[in-house]
N, C-alpha and C. Protein backbone atom coordinates (compact mmCIF):
# COMPACT_ATOMS: atom_id res chain seq x y z
N UNK A 1 0.35 -2.88 11.73
CA UNK A 1 1.68 -3.09 11.28
C UNK A 1 1.80 -4.36 10.45
N UNK A 2 3.00 -4.69 10.13
CA UNK A 2 3.28 -5.86 9.31
C UNK A 2 2.78 -7.13 9.99
N UNK A 3 2.88 -7.19 11.31
CA UNK A 3 2.46 -8.39 12.04
C UNK A 3 0.96 -8.65 11.93
N UNK A 4 0.16 -7.63 11.70
CA UNK A 4 -1.28 -7.81 11.56
C UNK A 4 -1.70 -7.93 10.11
N UNK A 5 -0.75 -7.93 9.20
CA UNK A 5 -1.06 -8.08 7.78
C UNK A 5 -1.19 -6.78 7.04
N UNK A 6 -0.98 -5.67 7.73
CA UNK A 6 -1.02 -4.36 7.08
C UNK A 6 0.37 -4.01 6.57
N UNK A 7 0.43 -3.29 5.50
CA UNK A 7 1.70 -2.90 4.92
C UNK A 7 1.83 -1.38 4.95
N UNK A 8 3.04 -0.92 4.78
CA UNK A 8 3.26 0.53 4.69
C UNK A 8 2.56 1.06 3.45
N UNK A 9 2.38 2.37 3.41
CA UNK A 9 1.81 2.98 2.21
C UNK A 9 2.72 2.64 1.03
N UNK A 10 2.12 2.45 -0.10
CA UNK A 10 2.87 2.07 -1.30
C UNK A 10 3.32 3.32 -2.03
N UNK A 11 4.60 3.38 -2.33
CA UNK A 11 5.15 4.44 -3.16
C UNK A 11 4.86 4.05 -4.60
N UNK A 12 4.00 4.79 -5.31
CA UNK A 12 3.59 4.38 -6.67
C UNK A 12 4.77 4.17 -7.62
N UNK A 13 5.76 5.05 -7.57
CA UNK A 13 6.91 4.90 -8.47
C UNK A 13 7.68 3.63 -8.18
N UNK A 14 7.88 3.33 -6.91
CA UNK A 14 8.59 2.11 -6.53
C UNK A 14 7.78 0.87 -6.91
N UNK A 15 6.47 0.92 -6.69
CA UNK A 15 5.61 -0.22 -7.03
C UNK A 15 5.65 -0.51 -8.52
N UNK A 16 5.59 0.53 -9.34
CA UNK A 16 5.63 0.34 -10.80
C UNK A 16 6.98 -0.25 -11.20
N UNK A 17 8.06 0.25 -10.63
CA UNK A 17 9.39 -0.27 -10.95
C UNK A 17 9.50 -1.75 -10.58
N UNK A 18 8.99 -2.12 -9.41
CA UNK A 18 9.04 -3.51 -8.97
C UNK A 18 8.19 -4.40 -9.87
N UNK A 19 7.00 -3.94 -10.23
CA UNK A 19 6.13 -4.72 -11.11
C UNK A 19 6.79 -4.94 -12.47
N UNK A 20 7.38 -3.89 -13.03
CA UNK A 20 8.08 -4.04 -14.31
C UNK A 20 9.24 -5.03 -14.19
N UNK A 21 9.96 -4.99 -13.08
CA UNK A 21 11.07 -5.92 -12.89
C UNK A 21 10.58 -7.36 -12.83
N UNK A 22 9.46 -7.58 -12.14
CA UNK A 22 8.88 -8.93 -12.06
C UNK A 22 8.43 -9.39 -13.44
N UNK A 23 7.74 -8.52 -14.16
CA UNK A 23 7.26 -8.89 -15.49
C UNK A 23 8.42 -9.17 -16.44
N UNK A 24 9.44 -8.32 -16.42
CA UNK A 24 10.62 -8.56 -17.26
C UNK A 24 11.24 -9.91 -16.94
N UNK A 25 11.35 -10.21 -15.65
CA UNK A 25 11.96 -11.47 -15.23
C UNK A 25 11.18 -12.67 -15.72
N UNK A 26 9.88 -12.63 -15.59
CA UNK A 26 9.06 -13.80 -15.90
C UNK A 26 8.74 -13.93 -17.38
N UNK A 27 8.67 -12.83 -18.11
CA UNK A 27 8.30 -12.88 -19.52
C UNK A 27 9.50 -12.84 -20.46
N UNK A 28 10.61 -12.24 -20.03
CA UNK A 28 11.76 -12.07 -20.92
C UNK A 28 12.98 -12.83 -20.42
N UNK A 29 13.40 -12.55 -19.19
CA UNK A 29 14.66 -13.12 -18.70
C UNK A 29 14.58 -14.62 -18.43
N UNK A 30 13.51 -15.09 -17.82
CA UNK A 30 13.38 -16.52 -17.51
C UNK A 30 13.55 -17.39 -18.76
N UNK A 31 12.82 -17.11 -19.85
CA UNK A 31 13.01 -17.94 -21.04
C UNK A 31 14.41 -17.81 -21.65
N UNK A 32 14.99 -16.60 -21.61
CA UNK A 32 16.33 -16.41 -22.18
C UNK A 32 17.39 -17.17 -21.39
N UNK A 33 17.28 -17.14 -20.08
CA UNK A 33 18.31 -17.74 -19.23
C UNK A 33 18.15 -19.25 -19.12
N UNK A 34 16.92 -19.71 -18.94
CA UNK A 34 16.71 -21.14 -18.68
C UNK A 34 16.37 -21.94 -19.92
N UNK A 35 15.91 -21.28 -20.97
CA UNK A 35 15.48 -22.00 -22.16
C UNK A 35 14.11 -22.64 -21.98
N UNK A 36 13.46 -22.36 -20.86
CA UNK A 36 12.13 -22.90 -20.59
C UNK A 36 11.07 -21.87 -20.95
N UNK A 37 9.83 -22.32 -21.00
CA UNK A 37 8.72 -21.42 -21.31
C UNK A 37 8.58 -20.37 -20.21
N UNK A 38 8.31 -19.16 -20.63
CA UNK A 38 8.05 -18.08 -19.68
C UNK A 38 6.56 -17.91 -19.49
N UNK A 39 6.19 -16.84 -18.84
CA UNK A 39 4.79 -16.60 -18.53
C UNK A 39 3.94 -16.38 -19.79
N UNK A 40 4.56 -15.95 -20.88
CA UNK A 40 3.81 -15.74 -22.12
C UNK A 40 3.30 -17.06 -22.69
N UNK A 41 4.05 -18.13 -22.48
CA UNK A 41 3.65 -19.44 -23.01
C UNK A 41 2.99 -20.32 -21.96
N UNK A 42 3.23 -20.07 -20.71
CA UNK A 42 2.73 -20.92 -19.62
C UNK A 42 1.64 -20.17 -18.85
N UNK A 43 0.39 -20.53 -19.10
CA UNK A 43 -0.73 -19.82 -18.48
C UNK A 43 -0.75 -19.97 -16.96
N UNK A 44 -0.32 -21.11 -16.44
CA UNK A 44 -0.27 -21.30 -14.99
C UNK A 44 0.74 -20.34 -14.37
N UNK A 45 1.90 -20.20 -15.01
CA UNK A 45 2.92 -19.27 -14.52
C UNK A 45 2.41 -17.84 -14.62
N UNK A 46 1.74 -17.50 -15.71
CA UNK A 46 1.18 -16.16 -15.86
C UNK A 46 0.18 -15.87 -14.75
N UNK A 47 -0.65 -16.84 -14.42
CA UNK A 47 -1.61 -16.67 -13.33
C UNK A 47 -0.93 -16.48 -11.99
N UNK A 48 0.14 -17.23 -11.76
CA UNK A 48 0.89 -17.09 -10.51
C UNK A 48 1.55 -15.71 -10.41
N UNK A 49 2.09 -15.22 -11.52
CA UNK A 49 2.70 -13.90 -11.53
C UNK A 49 1.65 -12.84 -11.21
N UNK A 50 0.49 -12.96 -11.83
CA UNK A 50 -0.60 -12.00 -11.58
C UNK A 50 -1.02 -12.02 -10.11
N UNK A 51 -1.21 -13.21 -9.56
CA UNK A 51 -1.60 -13.33 -8.15
C UNK A 51 -0.53 -12.74 -7.23
N UNK A 52 0.74 -13.01 -7.54
CA UNK A 52 1.84 -12.50 -6.73
C UNK A 52 1.82 -10.97 -6.69
N UNK A 53 1.64 -10.36 -7.86
CA UNK A 53 1.62 -8.90 -7.93
C UNK A 53 0.42 -8.34 -7.18
N UNK A 54 -0.76 -8.90 -7.45
CA UNK A 54 -1.96 -8.38 -6.81
C UNK A 54 -1.94 -8.57 -5.30
N UNK A 55 -1.46 -9.71 -4.83
CA UNK A 55 -1.38 -9.93 -3.39
C UNK A 55 -0.36 -9.00 -2.74
N UNK A 56 0.68 -8.67 -3.45
CA UNK A 56 1.68 -7.75 -2.91
C UNK A 56 1.15 -6.34 -2.76
N UNK A 57 0.20 -5.97 -3.61
CA UNK A 57 -0.35 -4.62 -3.56
C UNK A 57 -1.59 -4.51 -2.67
N UNK A 58 -2.24 -5.62 -2.44
CA UNK A 58 -3.50 -5.60 -1.69
C UNK A 58 -3.24 -5.57 -0.18
N UNK A 59 -4.18 -4.99 0.52
CA UNK A 59 -4.11 -5.02 1.99
C UNK A 59 -4.68 -6.36 2.43
N UNK A 60 -3.97 -7.04 3.30
CA UNK A 60 -4.43 -8.35 3.75
C UNK A 60 -5.41 -8.18 4.89
N UNK A 61 -6.43 -9.00 4.85
CA UNK A 61 -7.46 -8.93 5.87
C UNK A 61 -7.51 -10.28 6.58
N UNK A 62 -6.71 -10.43 7.62
CA UNK A 62 -6.63 -11.71 8.33
C UNK A 62 -7.94 -12.06 9.02
N UNK A 63 -8.68 -11.07 9.44
CA UNK A 63 -9.93 -11.36 10.14
C UNK A 63 -10.91 -12.10 9.25
N UNK A 64 -10.99 -11.72 7.99
CA UNK A 64 -11.94 -12.38 7.10
C UNK A 64 -11.48 -13.79 6.76
N UNK A 65 -10.18 -14.03 6.76
CA UNK A 65 -9.66 -15.36 6.46
C UNK A 65 -9.84 -16.32 7.63
N UNK A 66 -9.80 -15.79 8.84
CA UNK A 66 -9.89 -16.66 10.01
C UNK A 66 -11.33 -17.02 10.37
N UNK A 67 -12.31 -16.32 9.81
CA UNK A 67 -13.71 -16.64 10.16
C UNK A 67 -14.35 -17.59 9.19
């Protein structure tokens, strides 16, 4: 379950919609709203967005982290 780091099965359509929403927010909306650099100009932010998406889709393996 969630307490052990496992997640429910991923609905592909929902996952794609969520990923697009995150990308839109970080690449388009953030610069428009704040006037600051978005992920397209800020490589550190782009890396964080990528890690966030990949970690959200990956199954967590707490056993390997604790050893």
